[in-house]
Structure formats: C-alpha cells, structure tokens
Amino acid sequence: MTARVELLTGVAQGLTNAQVASQLFISETTVKTHLRRAFTKLGVQDRTSAVTEALRRDLIRL
C-alpha cells in the first residue's frame, strides 16, 4: 500500500494529521505534503472530498 493510500485511510478513519504521522512514522509536515499532492491527483480541495473521491474510486476501504 502506498503512503498516500495509507494516509487517506487514516484520514477516513477520522485521525488527525498528528495521529496519521505517528501511525506512519513520518512528520506532520510530510502528512500535509502528501495530503496536498493527493488533493491535486484526486481533483479535490479538502480532506472530506479527498476521502469521498478515494472511496468512490475504490482506492481505499474502511
């Protein structure tokens, strides 16, 4: 599983950036960078839309 998929899964589970960072052993800054890149790739502007689009595309599962 790629870092962005793991990250979006954490976001979908309601984790904060700090919690996702801790879970993936990366910094909060890295989480924010991955989120911004995921937003661009998914064509969205926020966390909720990113999760919705990732679920729609079957990129993540809950």
C-alpha atoms as a PDB file:
ATOM      1  CA  MET A   1       0.000   0.000   0.000  1.00  0.00           C
ATOM      2  CA  THR A   2       1.391   3.400  -0.910  1.00  0.00           C
ATOM      3  CA  ALA A   3       1.939   6.105   1.677  1.00  0.00           C
ATOM      4  CA  ARG A   4      -0.866   8.238   0.222  1.00  0.00           C
ATOM      5  CA  VAL A   5      -3.346   5.356   0.383  1.00  0.00           C
ATOM      6  CA  GLU A   6      -2.346   4.624   3.996  1.00  0.00           C
ATOM      7  CA  LEU A   7      -2.601   8.317   4.772  1.00  0.00           C
ATOM      8  CA  LEU A   8      -6.057   8.669   3.199  1.00  0.00           C
ATOM      9  CA  THR A   9      -7.204   5.562   5.064  1.00  0.00           C
ATOM     10  CA  GLY A  10      -6.137   7.201   8.325  1.00  0.00           C
ATOM     11  CA  VAL A  11      -7.923  10.412   7.398  1.00  0.00           C
ATOM     12  CA  ALA A  12     -11.043   8.397   6.519  1.00  0.00           C
ATOM     13  CA  GLN A  13     -10.881   6.826   9.978  1.00  0.00           C
ATOM     14  CA  GLY A  14     -11.027  10.313  11.477  1.00  0.00           C
ATOM     15  CA  LEU A  15      -7.384  10.563  12.542  1.00  0.00           C
ATOM     16  CA  THR A  16      -5.706  13.944  12.870  1.00  0.00           C
ATOM     17  CA  ASN A  17      -2.573  14.793  10.907  1.00  0.00           C
ATOM     18  CA  ALA A  18      -0.551  14.204  14.083  1.00  0.00           C
ATOM     19  CA  GLN A  19      -2.134  10.796  14.609  1.00  0.00           C
ATOM     20  CA  VAL A  20      -1.555   9.769  10.979  1.00  0.00           C
ATOM     21  CA  ALA A  21       2.065  10.933  11.236  1.00  0.00           C
ATOM     22  CA  SER A  22       2.593   8.884  14.367  1.00  0.00           C
ATOM     23  CA  GLN A  23       0.945   5.815  12.849  1.00  0.00           C
ATOM     24  CA  LEU A  24       3.068   6.011   9.676  1.00  0.00           C
ATOM     25  CA  PHE A  25       6.273   7.115  11.435  1.00  0.00           C
ATOM     26  CA  ILE A  26       6.523  10.317   9.410  1.00  0.00           C
ATOM     27  CA  SER A  27       6.371  14.003  10.309  1.00  0.00           C
ATOM     28  CA  GLU A  28       3.219  16.087  10.317  1.00  0.00           C
ATOM     29  CA  THR A  29       4.764  18.204   7.572  1.00  0.00           C
ATOM     30  CA  THR A  30       5.119  15.092   5.417  1.00  0.00           C
ATOM     31  CA  VAL A  31       1.470  14.222   6.075  1.00  0.00           C
ATOM     32  CA  LYS A  32       0.428  17.696   4.926  1.00  0.00           C
ATOM     33  CA  THR A  33       2.599  17.399   1.804  1.00  0.00           C
ATOM     34  CA  HIS A  34       1.124  14.001   0.924  1.00  0.00           C
ATOM     35  CA  LEU A  35      -2.393  15.334   1.500  1.00  0.00           C
ATOM     36  CA  ARG A  36      -1.828  18.326  -0.795  1.00  0.00           C
ATOM     37  CA  ARG A  37      -0.497  16.014  -3.507  1.00  0.00           C
ATOM     38  CA  ALA A  38      -3.411  13.626  -3.038  1.00  0.00           C
ATOM     39  CA  PHE A  39      -5.832  16.574  -3.331  1.00  0.00           C
ATOM     40  CA  THR A  40      -4.247  17.512  -6.650  1.00  0.00           C
ATOM     41  CA  LYS A  41      -4.324  13.963  -8.018  1.00  0.00           C
ATOM     42  CA  LEU A  42      -7.916  13.465  -6.929  1.00  0.00           C
ATOM     43  CA  GLY A  43      -9.013  16.909  -8.133  1.00  0.00           C
ATOM     44  CA  VAL A  44     -10.370  17.991  -4.733  1.00  0.00           C
ATOM     45  CA  GLN A  45      -9.795  20.829  -2.268  1.00  0.00           C
ATOM     46  CA  ASP A  46     -10.229  19.311   1.202  1.00  0.00           C
ATOM     47  CA  ARG A  47      -9.904  16.210   3.379  1.00  0.00           C
ATOM     48  CA  THR A  48     -13.562  15.229   3.211  1.00  0.00           C
ATOM     49  CA  SER A  49     -13.676  15.451  -0.560  1.00  0.00           C
ATOM     50  CA  ALA A  50     -10.410  13.504  -0.808  1.00  0.00           C
ATOM     51  CA  VAL A  51     -11.821  10.653   1.268  1.00  0.00           C
ATOM     52  CA  THR A  52     -15.103  10.683  -0.660  1.00  0.00           C
ATOM     53  CA  GLU A  53     -13.292  10.592  -4.010  1.00  0.00           C
ATOM     54  CA  ALA A  54     -10.831   7.908  -2.867  1.00  0.00           C
ATOM     55  CA  LEU A  55     -13.752   5.741  -1.729  1.00  0.00           C
ATOM     56  CA  ARG A  56     -15.606   6.376  -4.990  1.00  0.00           C
ATOM     57  CA  ARG A  57     -12.540   5.300  -6.975  1.00  0.00           C
ATOM     58  CA  ASP A  58     -12.119   2.273  -4.720  1.00  0.00           C
ATOM     59  CA  LEU A  59      -8.636   3.437  -3.705  1.00  0.00           C
ATOM     60  CA  ILE A  60      -9.340   2.937  -0.004  1.00  0.00           C
ATOM     61  CA  ARG A  61     -11.652   0.743   2.031  1.00  0.00           C
ATOM     62  CA  LEU A  62     -12.978   1.216   5.519  1.00  0.00           C
END
